PDB file of N, CA and C in Angstrom:
ATOM      1  N   MET A   1      35.219   6.649  20.559  1.00  0.00           N
ATOM      2  CA  MET A   1      35.722   6.104  21.780  1.00  0.00           C
ATOM      3  C   MET A   1      37.210   6.533  21.918  1.00  0.00           C
ATOM      4  N   ILE A   2      37.553   6.971  23.110  1.00  0.00           N
ATOM      5  CA  ILE A   2      38.952   7.438  23.268  1.00  0.00           C
ATOM      6  C   ILE A   2      39.674   6.331  24.021  1.00  0.00           C
ATOM      7  N   ILE A   3      40.703   5.750  23.343  1.00  0.00           N
ATOM      8  CA  ILE A   3      41.540   4.759  23.965  1.00  0.00           C
ATOM      9  C   ILE A   3      42.957   5.275  23.880  1.00  0.00           C
ATOM     10  N   LYS A   4      43.643   5.263  24.990  1.00  0.00           N
ATOM     11  CA  LYS A   4      45.041   5.690  25.053  1.00  0.00           C
ATOM     12  C   LYS A   4      45.951   4.558  25.480  1.00  0.00           C
ATOM     13  N   LYS A   5      47.207   4.738  25.195  1.00  0.00           N
ATOM     14  CA  LYS A   5      48.192   3.714  25.627  1.00  0.00           C
ATOM     15  C   LYS A   5      48.248   3.687  27.141  1.00  0.00           C
ATOM     16  N   GLY A   6      48.196   2.478  27.668  1.00  0.00           N
ATOM     17  CA  GLY A   6      48.214   2.274  29.120  1.00  0.00           C
ATOM     18  C   GLY A   6      46.850   2.045  29.733  1.00  0.00           C
ATOM     19  N   ASN A   7      45.791   2.296  28.991  1.00  0.00           N
ATOM     20  CA  ASN A   7      44.409   2.107  29.461  1.00  0.00           C
ATOM     21  C   ASN A   7      44.126   0.594  29.633  1.00  0.00           C
ATOM     22  N   GLN A   8      43.214   0.310  30.561  1.00  0.00           N
ATOM     23  CA  GLN A   8      42.728  -1.050  30.764  1.00  0.00           C
ATOM     24  C   GLN A   8      41.501  -1.232  29.887  1.00  0.00           C
ATOM     25  N   VAL A   9      41.474  -2.297  29.070  1.00  0.00           N
ATOM     26  CA  VAL A   9      40.349  -2.579  28.190  1.00  0.00           C
ATOM     27  C   VAL A   9      39.902  -4.023  28.389  1.00  0.00           C
ATOM     28  N   LYS A  10      38.661  -4.318  28.023  1.00  0.00           N
ATOM     29  CA  LYS A  10      38.086  -5.600  28.072  1.00  0.00           C
ATOM     30  C   LYS A  10      37.641  -5.959  26.659  1.00  0.00           C
ATOM     31  N   VAL A  11      37.952  -7.229  26.190  1.00  0.00           N
ATOM     32  CA  VAL A  11      37.590  -7.688  24.892  1.00  0.00           C
ATOM     33  C   VAL A  11      36.110  -8.139  24.995  1.00  0.00           C
ATOM     34  N   ILE A  12      35.283  -7.625  24.018  1.00  0.00           N
ATOM     35  CA  ILE A  12      33.877  -7.945  24.003  1.00  0.00           C
ATOM     36  C   ILE A  12      33.479  -8.913  22.898  1.00  0.00           C
ATOM     37  N   THR A  13      34.368  -9.148  21.899  1.00  0.00           N
ATOM     38  CA  THR A  13      34.049 -10.135  20.840  1.00  0.00           C
ATOM     39  C   THR A  13      35.348 -10.860  20.483  1.00  0.00           C
ATOM     40  N   GLY A  14      35.174 -12.006  19.853  1.00  0.00           N
ATOM     41  CA  GLY A  14      36.328 -12.716  19.305  1.00  0.00           C
ATOM     42  C   GLY A  14      36.761 -13.861  20.200  1.00  0.00           C
ATOM     43  N   LYS A  15      37.929 -14.474  19.888  1.00  0.00           N
ATOM     44  CA  LYS A  15      38.385 -15.641  20.577  1.00  0.00           C
ATOM     45  C   LYS A  15      38.787 -15.330  22.019  1.00  0.00           C
ATOM     46  N   ASP A  16      39.138 -14.128  22.326  1.00  0.00           N
ATOM     47  CA  ASP A  16      39.598 -13.714  23.680  1.00  0.00           C
ATOM     48  C   ASP A  16      38.490 -12.971  24.421  1.00  0.00           C
ATOM     49  N   LYS A  17      37.244 -13.201  24.102  1.00  0.00           N
ATOM     50  CA  LYS A  17      36.100 -12.565  24.713  1.00  0.00           C
ATOM     51  C   LYS A  17      36.116 -12.695  26.217  1.00  0.00           C
ATOM     52  N   GLY A  18      35.982 -11.550  26.917  1.00  0.00           N
ATOM     53  CA  GLY A  18      35.928 -11.577  28.388  1.00  0.00           C
ATOM     54  C   GLY A  18      37.248 -11.300  29.067  1.00  0.00           C
ATOM     55  N   LYS A  19      38.368 -11.328  28.327  1.00  0.00           N
ATOM     56  CA  LYS A  19      39.679 -11.081  28.937  1.00  0.00           C
ATOM     57  C   LYS A  19      39.942  -9.581  28.987  1.00  0.00           C
ATOM     58  N   THR A  20      40.758  -9.193  29.994  1.00  0.00           N
ATOM     59  CA  THR A  20      41.133  -7.770  30.094  1.00  0.00           C
ATOM     60  C   THR A  20      42.618  -7.684  30.005  1.00  0.00           C
ATOM     61  N   GLY A  21      43.074  -6.489  29.595  1.00  0.00           N
ATOM     62  CA  GLY A  21      44.512  -6.233  29.455  1.00  0.00           C
ATOM     63  C   GLY A  21      44.809  -4.792  29.220  1.00  0.00           C
ATOM     64  N   GLU A  22      46.073  -4.455  29.174  1.00  0.00           N
ATOM     65  CA  GLU A  22      46.527  -3.099  29.030  1.00  0.00           C
ATOM     66  C   GLU A  22      46.925  -2.831  27.594  1.00  0.00           C
ATOM     67  N   VAL A  23      46.521  -1.627  27.068  1.00  0.00           N
ATOM     68  CA  VAL A  23      46.893  -1.244  25.667  1.00  0.00           C
ATOM     69  C   VAL A  23      48.357  -0.951  25.609  1.00  0.00           C
ATOM     70  N   ILE A  24      49.082  -1.609  24.682  1.00  0.00           N
ATOM     71  CA  ILE A  24      50.509  -1.364  24.569  1.00  0.00           C
ATOM     72  C   ILE A  24      50.878  -0.666  23.271  1.00  0.00           C
ATOM     73  N   GLU A  25      50.026  -0.604  22.297  1.00  0.00           N
ATOM     74  CA  GLU A  25      50.303   0.050  21.031  1.00  0.00           C
ATOM     75  C   GLU A  25      49.015   0.390  20.347  1.00  0.00           C
ATOM     76  N   ILE A  26      49.023   1.588  19.591  1.00  0.00           N
ATOM     77  CA  ILE A  26      47.852   2.047  18.863  1.00  0.00           C
ATOM     78  C   ILE A  26      48.230   2.428  17.449  1.00  0.00           C
ATOM     79  N   ASN A  27      47.455   1.929  16.467  1.00  0.00           N
ATOM     80  CA  ASN A  27      47.603   2.353  15.069  1.00  0.00           C
ATOM     81  C   ASN A  27      46.365   3.175  14.732  1.00  0.00           C
ATOM     82  N   ARG A  28      46.454   4.448  14.748  1.00  0.00           N
ATOM     83  CA  ARG A  28      45.310   5.333  14.569  1.00  0.00           C
ATOM     84  C   ARG A  28      44.804   5.310  13.105  1.00  0.00           C
ATOM     85  N   LYS A  29      45.677   5.069  12.104  1.00  0.00           N
ATOM     86  CA  LYS A  29      45.224   5.075  10.730  1.00  0.00           C
ATOM     87  C   LYS A  29      44.331   3.853  10.446  1.00  0.00           C
ATOM     88  N   LEU A  30      44.629   2.713  11.012  1.00  0.00           N
ATOM     89  CA  LEU A  30      43.810   1.547  10.793  1.00  0.00           C
ATOM     90  C   LEU A  30      42.804   1.267  11.884  1.00  0.00           C
ATOM     91  N   ASN A  31      42.769   2.126  12.918  1.00  0.00           N
ATOM     92  CA  ASN A  31      41.881   1.931  14.097  1.00  0.00           C
ATOM     93  C   ASN A  31      42.123   0.558  14.777  1.00  0.00           C
ATOM     94  N   MET A  32      43.379   0.257  14.942  1.00  0.00           N
ATOM     95  CA  MET A  32      43.725  -1.049  15.555  1.00  0.00           C
ATOM     96  C   MET A  32      44.564  -0.774  16.856  1.00  0.00           C
ATOM     97  N   ILE A  33      44.469  -1.746  17.796  1.00  0.00           N
ATOM     98  CA  ILE A  33      45.210  -1.622  18.973  1.00  0.00           C
ATOM     99  C   ILE A  33      45.835  -2.958  19.325  1.00  0.00           C
ATOM    100  N   LYS A  34      46.946  -2.971  20.087  1.00  0.00           N
ATOM    101  CA  LYS A  34      47.544  -4.154  20.646  1.00  0.00           C
ATOM    102  C   LYS A  34      47.309  -4.146  22.120  1.00  0.00           C
ATOM    103  N   VAL A  35      46.856  -5.265  22.651  1.00  0.00           N
ATOM    104  CA  VAL A  35      46.607  -5.404  24.087  1.00  0.00           C
ATOM    105  C   VAL A  35      47.522  -6.505  24.641  1.00  0.00           C
ATOM    106  N   LYS A  36      48.094  -6.245  25.787  1.00  0.00           N
ATOM    107  CA  LYS A  36      49.012  -7.194  26.394  1.00  0.00           C
ATOM    108  C   LYS A  36      48.306  -8.529  26.731  1.00  0.00           C
ATOM    109  N   GLU A  37      48.959  -9.601  26.202  1.00  0.00           N
ATOM    110  CA  GLU A  37      48.531 -10.975  26.426  1.00  0.00           C
ATOM    111  C   GLU A  37      47.133 -11.324  25.756  1.00  0.00           C
ATOM    112  N   ILE A  38      46.711 -10.506  24.751  1.00  0.00           N
ATOM    113  CA  ILE A  38      45.452 -10.734  24.062  1.00  0.00           C
ATOM    114  C   ILE A  38      45.774 -10.942  22.589  1.00  0.00           C
ATOM    115  N   ASN A  39      45.101 -11.828  21.876  1.00  0.00           N
ATOM    116  CA  ASN A  39      45.256 -12.070  20.460  1.00  0.00           C
ATOM    117  C   ASN A  39      46.669 -12.499  20.140  1.00  0.00           C
ATOM    118  N   LEU A  40      47.174 -13.519  20.871  1.00  0.00           N
ATOM    119  CA  LEU A  40      48.486 -14.027  20.642  1.00  0.00           C
ATOM    120  C   LEU A  40      48.524 -14.848  19.400  1.00  0.00           C
ATOM    121  N   VAL A  41      49.633 -14.626  18.591  1.00  0.00           N
ATOM    122  CA  VAL A  41      49.805 -15.401  17.385  1.00  0.00           C
ATOM    123  C   VAL A  41      51.203 -15.996  17.429  1.00  0.00           C
ATOM    124  N   LYS A  42      51.434 -17.097  16.716  1.00  0.00           N
ATOM    125  CA  LYS A  42      52.749 -17.758  16.639  1.00  0.00           C
ATOM    126  C   LYS A  42      53.555 -17.141  15.530  1.00  0.00           C
ATOM    127  N   LYS A  43      54.809 -16.844  15.781  1.00  0.00           N
ATOM    128  CA  LYS A  43      55.742 -16.283  14.853  1.00  0.00           C
ATOM    129  C   LYS A  43      56.947 -17.163  14.725  1.00  0.00           C
ATOM    130  N   HIS A  44      57.297 -17.569  13.539  1.00  0.00           N
ATOM    131  CA  HIS A  44      58.506 -18.409  13.281  1.00  0.00           C
ATOM    132  C   HIS A  44      59.673 -17.506  13.009  1.00  0.00           C
ATOM    133  N   LYS A  45      60.809 -17.645  13.841  1.00  0.00           N
ATOM    134  CA  LYS A  45      61.938 -16.782  13.714  1.00  0.00           C
ATOM    135  C   LYS A  45      63.106 -17.665  13.268  1.00  0.00           C
ATOM    136  N   LYS A  46      63.848 -17.195  12.264  1.00  0.00           N
ATOM    137  CA  LYS A  46      65.105 -17.868  11.838  1.00  0.00           C
ATOM    138  C   LYS A  46      66.180 -17.568  12.838  1.00  0.00           C
ATOM    139  N   PRO A  47      67.066 -18.561  13.057  1.00  0.00           N
ATOM    140  CA  PRO A  47      68.177 -18.314  13.955  1.00  0.00           C
ATOM    141  C   PRO A  47      69.221 -17.405  13.363  1.00  0.00           C
ATOM    142  N   THR A  48      69.790 -16.517  14.183  1.00  0.00           N
ATOM    143  CA  THR A  48      70.843 -15.597  13.727  1.00  0.00           C
ATOM    144  C   THR A  48      72.018 -15.809  14.697  1.00  0.00           C
ATOM    145  N   LYS A  49      73.089 -14.983  14.484  1.00  0.00           N
ATOM    146  CA  LYS A  49      74.189 -15.106  15.483  1.00  0.00           C
ATOM    147  C   LYS A  49      73.816 -14.643  16.871  1.00  0.00           C
ATOM    148  N   GLU A  50      72.961 -13.653  16.899  1.00  0.00           N
ATOM    149  CA  GLU A  50      72.538 -13.112  18.224  1.00  0.00           C
ATOM    150  C   GLU A  50      71.423 -13.828  18.870  1.00  0.00           C
ATOM    151  N   ASN A  51      70.446 -14.283  18.055  1.00  0.00           N
ATOM    152  CA  ASN A  51      69.222 -14.894  18.592  1.00  0.00           C
ATOM    153  C   ASN A  51      69.052 -16.328  18.237  1.00  0.00           C
ATOM    154  N   LYS A  52      68.544 -17.146  19.143  1.00  0.00           N
ATOM    155  CA  LYS A  52      68.218 -18.480  18.860  1.00  0.00           C
ATOM    156  C   LYS A  52      66.863 -18.490  18.096  1.00  0.00           C
ATOM    157  N   GLY A  53      66.681 -19.273  17.116  1.00  0.00           N
ATOM    158  CA  GLY A  53      65.481 -19.352  16.362  1.00  0.00           C
ATOM    159  C   GLY A  53      64.446 -20.169  17.081  1.00  0.00           C
ATOM    160  N   GLY A  54      63.260 -20.258  16.479  1.00  0.00           N
ATOM    161  CA  GLY A  54      62.171 -21.010  17.054  1.00  0.00           C
ATOM    162  C   GLY A  54      60.827 -20.356  16.826  1.00  0.00           C
ATOM    163  N   ILE A  55      59.843 -20.852  17.546  1.00  0.00           N
ATOM    164  CA  ILE A  55      58.494 -20.310  17.454  1.00  0.00           C
ATOM    165  C   ILE A  55      58.214 -19.491  18.681  1.00  0.00           C
ATOM    166  N   ILE A  56      57.900 -18.204  18.478  1.00  0.00           N
ATOM    167  CA  ILE A  56      57.593 -17.347  19.596  1.00  0.00           C
ATOM    168  C   ILE A  56      56.113 -16.860  19.482  1.00  0.00           C
ATOM    169  N   SER A  57      55.537 -16.526  20.607  1.00  0.00           N
ATOM    170  CA  SER A  57      54.167 -15.991  20.660  1.00  0.00           C
ATOM    171  C   SER A  57      54.261 -14.467  20.893  1.00  0.00           C
ATOM    172  N   LYS A  58      53.504 -13.706  20.130  1.00  0.00           N
ATOM    173  CA  LYS A  58      53.465 -12.255  20.275  1.00  0.00           C
ATOM    174  C   LYS A  58      52.078 -11.752  20.014  1.00  0.00           C
ATOM    175  N   GLU A  59      51.811 -10.524  20.563  1.00  0.00           N
ATOM    176  CA  GLU A  59      50.480  -9.917  20.426  1.00  0.00           C
ATOM    177  C   GLU A  59      50.310  -9.462  18.960  1.00  0.00           C
ATOM    178  N   SER A  60      49.069  -9.520  18.534  1.00  0.00           N
ATOM    179  CA  SER A  60      48.701  -8.982  17.215  1.00  0.00           C
ATOM    180  C   SER A  60      47.605  -7.882  17.409  1.00  0.00           C
ATOM    181  N   PHE A  61      47.404  -7.100  16.365  1.00  0.00           N
ATOM    182  CA  PHE A  61      46.458  -5.997  16.463  1.00  0.00           C
ATOM    183  C   PHE A  61      45.010  -6.520  16.419  1.00  0.00           C
ATOM    184  N   ILE A  62      44.150  -5.851  17.106  1.00  0.00           N
ATOM    185  CA  ILE A  62      42.721  -6.085  17.050  1.00  0.00           C
ATOM    186  C   ILE A  62      41.999  -4.751  16.815  1.00  0.00           C
ATOM    187  N   HIS A  63      40.824  -4.754  16.245  1.00  0.00           N
ATOM    188  CA  HIS A  63      40.114  -3.532  15.961  1.00  0.00           C
ATOM    189  C   HIS A  63      39.576  -2.927  17.271  1.00  0.00           C
ATOM    190  N   TYR A  64      39.603  -1.614  17.387  1.00  0.00           N
ATOM    191  CA  TYR A  64      39.284  -0.958  18.611  1.00  0.00           C
ATOM    192  C   TYR A  64      37.767  -1.132  18.932  1.00  0.00           C
ATOM    193  N   SER A  65      36.895  -1.456  17.926  1.00  0.00           N
ATOM    194  CA  SER A  65      35.500  -1.654  18.224  1.00  0.00           C
ATOM    195  C   SER A  65      35.242  -2.959  18.903  1.00  0.00           C
ATOM    196  N   ASN A  66      36.235  -3.865  18.997  1.00  0.00           N
ATOM    197  CA  ASN A  66      36.104  -5.119  19.673  1.00  0.00           C
ATOM    198  C   ASN A  66      36.471  -5.050  21.158  1.00  0.00           C
ATOM    199  N   VAL A  67      36.769  -3.896  21.630  1.00  0.00           N
ATOM    200  CA  VAL A  67      37.144  -3.733  23.066  1.00  0.00           C
ATOM    201  C   VAL A  67      36.284  -2.661  23.710  1.00  0.00           C
ATOM    202  N   LYS A  68      36.213  -2.729  25.051  1.00  0.00           N
ATOM    203  CA  LYS A  68      35.498  -1.763  25.808  1.00  0.00           C
ATOM    204  C   LYS A  68      36.473  -1.140  26.798  1.00  0.00           C
ATOM    205  N   ASN A  69      36.545   0.227  26.844  1.00  0.00           N
ATOM    206  CA  ASN A  69      37.449   0.921  27.701  1.00  0.00           C
ATOM    207  C   ASN A  69      36.943   0.812  29.136  1.00  0.00           C
ATOM    208  N   LEU A  70      37.756   0.354  30.078  1.00  0.00           N
ATOM    209  CA  LEU A  70      37.321   0.190  31.468  1.00  0.00           C
ATOM    210  C   LEU A  70      37.656   1.457  32.290  1.00  0.00           C
ATOM    211  N   GLU A  71      38.301   2.413  31.713  1.00  0.00           N
ATOM    212  CA  GLU A  71      38.743   3.610  32.501  1.00  0.00           C
ATOM    213  C   GLU A  71      37.943   4.837  32.107  1.00  0.00           C
ATOM    214  N   ILE A  72      36.662   4.667  31.759  1.00  0.00           N
ATOM    215  CA  ILE A  72      35.804   5.796  31.409  1.00  0.00           C
ATOM    216  C   ILE A  72      35.307   6.395  32.700  1.00  0.00           C
ATOM    217  N   LYS A  73      35.503   7.694  32.820  1.00  0.00           N
ATOM    218  CA  LYS A  73      35.038   8.375  33.989  1.00  0.00           C
ATOM    219  C   LYS A  73      33.674   9.049  33.648  1.00  0.00           C
ATOM    220  N   LYS A  74      32.650   8.577  34.334  1.00  0.00           N
ATOM    221  CA  LYS A  74      31.298   9.097  34.124  1.00  0.00           C
ATOM    222  C   LYS A  74      31.033  10.193  35.144  1.00  0.00           C
ATOM    223  N   GLU A  75      30.822  11.371  34.614  1.00  0.00           N
ATOM    224  CA  GLU A  75      30.543  12.524  35.466  1.00  0.00           C
ATOM    225  C   GLU A  75      29.058  12.703  35.594  1.00  0.00           C
ATOM    226  N   PRO A  76      28.548  13.039  36.822  1.00  0.00           N
ATOM    227  CA  PRO A  76      27.086  13.277  36.937  1.00  0.00           C
ATOM    228  C   PRO A  76      26.644  14.469  36.103  1.00  0.00           C
ATOM    229  N   ILE A  77      25.410  14.410  35.648  1.00  0.00           N
ATOM    230  CA  ILE A  77      24.837  15.493  34.845  1.00  0.00           C
ATOM    231  C   ILE A  77      24.368  16.544  35.766  1.00  0.00           C
ATOM    232  N   LYS A  78      24.798  17.782  35.521  1.00  0.00           N
ATOM    233  CA  LYS A  78      24.470  18.907  36.370  1.00  0.00           C
ATOM    234  C   LYS A  78      23.205  19.603  35.816  1.00  0.00           C
ATOM    235  N   LYS A  79      22.282  19.865  36.687  1.00  0.00           N
ATOM    236  CA  LYS A  79      21.012  20.552  36.246  1.00  0.00           C
ATOM    237  C   LYS A  79      20.997  21.975  36.734  1.00  0.00           C
TER     238      LYS A  79
END
């Protein structure tokens, strides 16, 4: 399956089943992708001089086999 950054995908398994989103990052070695607003996890950040600390939500990787590419172009078979 060919998935590229910026493609629209639909989650077919897991806790976010049925949701759609845009691919924002791909890890080809591990066959994992990050999808915008899908698989959100809580991350605890320590306060620094520049940033205020606290709990933030961010996307985590999911396996590419758990998504379906919605931008597949099906061409008719020529006989």
